[in-house]
Every structure is written in C-alpha cells, then in structure tokens.
Amino acid sequence: MSGSSDKRMLNIAKEIKLVISKYISLKARLSSKKDPDIHKTFWNIRADLEILLVELKAILYQEDKMEKWQTKFQNELKGTKSKEKAKSILSNYIKDEKEVNSIIINRPKEGYKYLWKLKEVISSILEAFPQEKFAWINGEFKKRNDEIFEI
C-alpha cells in the first residue's frame, strides 16, 4: 500500500476500534437495556460498519460484487427473533478491540471479512430486540407502551 493508503488504513482502524468498543459495551449490557435502545444501538453500529466497509473496500481495491464466501455465509446465516439465541449468536462474533485493530492493520482482507460478517450477524438478530412492541389490547393489535400502566 502507498503512504496515503497506510494513513487511511490507520484512520479506519481507529474508527473500527471505536465501533467495536460500542459493540462490546452493548453486548455486555444486553440484559440491562430495553429492546428499543438495543435495536437503535445495533442499528447505529451496523450503519457505522457499513460505512467503514465501503472505505476499507476502496483501500483494498476490492471489486464491488458478492464473493463466494459472502454468498455462502449469507446462505448459512440463521437469524433469530429470540433474545437468548441472539446473545448466543453474538458471542460467536466477539473479538476484542486490540485483536480487531491488529487484524485490520496487519491482515486487512481478513479484517474486512470479519467486519462484513459482524454487520450481517447484527442485521440477522435485530428482530430479537424490537424497536416497538405490540400487544393484543381490548380486541385490537396496538402498540404497547410499557411505561404507562392502568390501575
């Protein structure tokens, strides 16, 4: 890589470290947060990963097409609406910030694959943490508000 590519790679590595830090923090606090907050945070992490992947792909001069490993991964990926299963799925894709940073700097193509898979995994489990909850109330399907209750 050229000098400017090296600088860009270091900047992306710093941004990735921040995103992974958010991911690790959220994963550690899943049971203490409400579903809409989890959904929003995961959505933001996924969006950040999407942007970083585009930048990383440009640095690596990757073609803009699905590769065999991506197609295979998507075909084998099983999403879930179950919180417990989502937590289990997420635990398979956790790496610490230093490890991710090292992969991005030393093995950028492997780092790209990891981040892409993490983005896809997050997309597949978003339904386990619904942004809005619905319930059958007085014979109608209505948005449920857990903060308001009747006596």
Protein backbone atom coordinates (compact mmCIF):
# COMPACT_ATOMS: atom_id res chain seq x y z
CA MET A 1 0.00 0.00 0.00
CA SER A 2 1.07 3.57 -0.59
CA GLY A 3 1.73 6.10 2.17
CA SER A 4 -1.70 7.70 1.82
CA SER A 5 -3.32 4.24 1.87
CA ASP A 6 -1.40 3.45 5.05
CA LYS A 7 -2.67 6.66 6.68
CA ARG A 8 -6.22 5.94 5.57
CA MET A 9 -5.91 2.40 6.92
CA LEU A 10 -4.74 3.71 10.30
CA ASN A 11 -7.65 6.17 10.43
CA ILE A 12 -10.12 3.44 9.54
CA ALA A 13 -8.54 1.17 12.16
CA LYS A 14 -9.16 3.87 14.79
CA GLU A 15 -12.78 4.24 13.71
CA ILE A 16 -13.25 0.48 13.70
CA LYS A 17 -11.82 0.30 17.21
CA LEU A 18 -14.48 2.77 18.37
CA VAL A 19 -17.28 0.81 16.69
CA ILE A 20 -16.05 -2.49 18.14
CA SER A 21 -15.83 -0.83 21.55
CA LYS A 22 -19.52 0.21 21.23
CA TYR A 23 -20.38 -3.34 20.20
CA ILE A 24 -18.52 -4.93 23.13
CA SER A 25 -20.07 -2.46 25.55
CA LEU A 26 -23.57 -3.09 24.26
CA LYS A 27 -23.09 -6.86 24.28
CA ALA A 28 -22.02 -6.71 27.93
CA ARG A 29 -25.15 -4.73 28.87
CA LEU A 30 -27.78 -6.51 26.77
CA SER A 31 -29.79 -7.75 29.74
CA SER A 32 -29.94 -4.33 31.40
CA LYS A 33 -31.15 -2.30 28.39
CA LYS A 34 -34.61 -2.03 26.87
CA ASP A 35 -35.23 -3.57 23.45
CA PRO A 36 -35.75 -0.24 21.62
CA ASP A 37 -32.41 1.05 22.96
CA ILE A 38 -30.65 -2.16 21.94
CA HIS A 39 -32.26 -2.03 18.50
CA LYS A 40 -31.22 1.59 17.96
CA THR A 41 -27.65 0.99 19.12
CA PHE A 42 -27.27 -2.14 16.99
CA TRP A 43 -28.72 -0.26 14.03
CA ASN A 44 -26.16 2.53 14.52
CA ILE A 45 -23.29 0.04 14.88
CA ARG A 46 -24.44 -1.71 11.71
CA ALA A 47 -24.58 1.62 9.85
CA ASP A 48 -21.09 2.54 11.07
CA LEU A 49 -19.80 -0.86 9.92
CA GLU A 50 -21.41 -0.38 6.51
CA ILE A 51 -19.59 2.94 6.02
CA LEU A 52 -16.27 1.56 7.26
CA LEU A 53 -16.59 -1.46 4.98
CA VAL A 54 -17.05 0.80 1.96
CA GLU A 55 -13.91 2.74 2.92
CA LEU A 56 -11.93 -0.42 3.63
CA LYS A 57 -13.08 -1.98 0.36
CA ALA A 58 -11.87 1.11 -1.54
CA ILE A 59 -8.45 0.89 0.10
CA LEU A 60 -8.19 -2.82 -0.72
CA TYR A 61 -9.39 -2.19 -4.27
CA GLN A 62 -11.97 -4.90 -3.87
CA GLU A 63 -14.46 -5.31 -6.69
CA ASP A 64 -17.99 -4.31 -5.89
CA LYS A 65 -19.52 -7.76 -6.18
CA MET A 66 -20.51 -10.56 -3.86
CA GLU A 67 -17.74 -13.07 -3.41
CA LYS A 68 -18.29 -16.79 -2.87
CA TRP A 69 -17.54 -16.58 0.85
CA GLN A 70 -20.13 -13.80 1.26
CA THR A 71 -22.83 -15.72 -0.57
CA LYS A 72 -22.04 -18.89 1.40
CA PHE A 73 -22.08 -17.01 4.71
CA GLN A 74 -25.45 -15.38 3.94
CA ASN A 75 -26.95 -18.72 2.89
CA GLU A 76 -25.79 -20.37 6.12
CA LEU A 77 -26.60 -17.44 8.43
CA LYS A 78 -29.67 -18.08 10.51
CA GLY A 79 -31.17 -15.00 12.11
CA THR A 80 -33.43 -15.09 15.13
CA LYS A 81 -36.16 -13.27 16.99
CA SER A 82 -35.13 -14.93 20.27
CA LYS A 83 -33.09 -12.76 22.64
CA GLU A 84 -31.23 -15.72 24.13
CA LYS A 85 -30.36 -17.13 20.73
CA ALA A 86 -29.30 -13.64 19.57
CA LYS A 87 -26.95 -13.36 22.55
CA SER A 88 -25.52 -16.78 21.71
CA ILE A 89 -25.03 -15.85 18.05
CA LEU A 90 -23.33 -12.59 19.04
CA SER A 91 -20.94 -14.37 21.37
CA ASN A 92 -19.51 -16.23 18.36
CA TYR A 93 -18.53 -12.96 16.70
CA ILE A 94 -16.81 -11.14 19.53
CA LYS A 95 -13.21 -10.10 19.28
CA ASP A 96 -11.59 -7.51 21.50
CA GLU A 97 -10.61 -4.09 20.19
CA LYS A 98 -6.87 -4.84 20.11
CA GLU A 99 -7.39 -8.04 18.14
CA VAL A 100 -9.64 -6.30 15.59
CA ASN A 101 -7.19 -3.41 15.30
CA SER A 102 -4.31 -5.84 14.73
CA ILE A 103 -6.26 -7.73 12.06
CA ILE A 104 -7.22 -4.51 10.24
CA ILE A 105 -3.64 -3.21 10.22
CA ASN A 106 -1.79 -6.50 9.58
CA ARG A 107 -4.33 -8.54 7.60
CA PRO A 108 -6.81 -6.04 6.13
CA LYS A 109 -8.63 -8.55 3.91
CA GLU A 110 -9.27 -10.79 6.91
CA GLY A 111 -10.39 -7.71 8.85
CA TYR A 112 -12.78 -6.81 6.06
CA LYS A 113 -14.29 -10.30 6.19
CA TYR A 114 -14.72 -10.13 9.97
CA LEU A 115 -16.43 -6.72 9.86
CA TRP A 116 -18.66 -7.75 6.97
CA LYS A 117 -19.76 -10.91 8.80
CA LEU A 118 -20.36 -8.94 12.01
CA LYS A 119 -22.57 -6.48 10.09
CA GLU A 120 -24.58 -9.35 8.62
CA VAL A 121 -24.94 -11.05 12.01
CA ILE A 122 -26.20 -7.82 13.57
CA SER A 123 -28.71 -7.45 10.74
CA SER A 124 -29.93 -11.00 11.29
CA ILE A 125 -30.65 -10.56 15.03
CA LEU A 126 -32.19 -7.06 15.05
CA GLU A 127 -35.69 -8.55 15.29
CA ALA A 128 -34.80 -10.07 18.66
CA PHE A 129 -34.71 -6.53 20.05
CA PRO A 130 -37.82 -4.86 18.61
CA GLN A 131 -37.93 -1.13 18.42
CA GLU A 132 -41.64 -1.10 19.21
CA LYS A 133 -43.72 -3.71 20.99
CA PHE A 134 -47.23 -4.63 20.05
CA ALA A 135 -49.89 -6.47 22.02
CA TRP A 136 -53.50 -7.58 21.71
CA ILE A 137 -55.36 -4.92 23.74
CA ASN A 138 -59.15 -4.78 24.00
CA GLY A 139 -59.62 -6.85 20.87
CA GLU A 140 -57.15 -4.82 18.80
CA PHE A 141 -53.50 -5.13 17.88
CA LYS A 142 -51.96 -1.96 19.33
CA LYS A 143 -48.54 -0.54 20.08
CA ARG A 144 -47.71 -1.37 23.68
CA ASN A 145 -46.24 1.27 25.96
CA ASP A 146 -44.58 -0.43 28.92
CA GLU A 147 -44.04 2.85 30.73
CA ILE A 148 -47.74 3.64 31.08
CA PHE A 149 -49.95 1.42 33.14
CA GLU A 150 -53.51 1.44 34.36
CA ILE A 151 -54.62 0.89 37.93
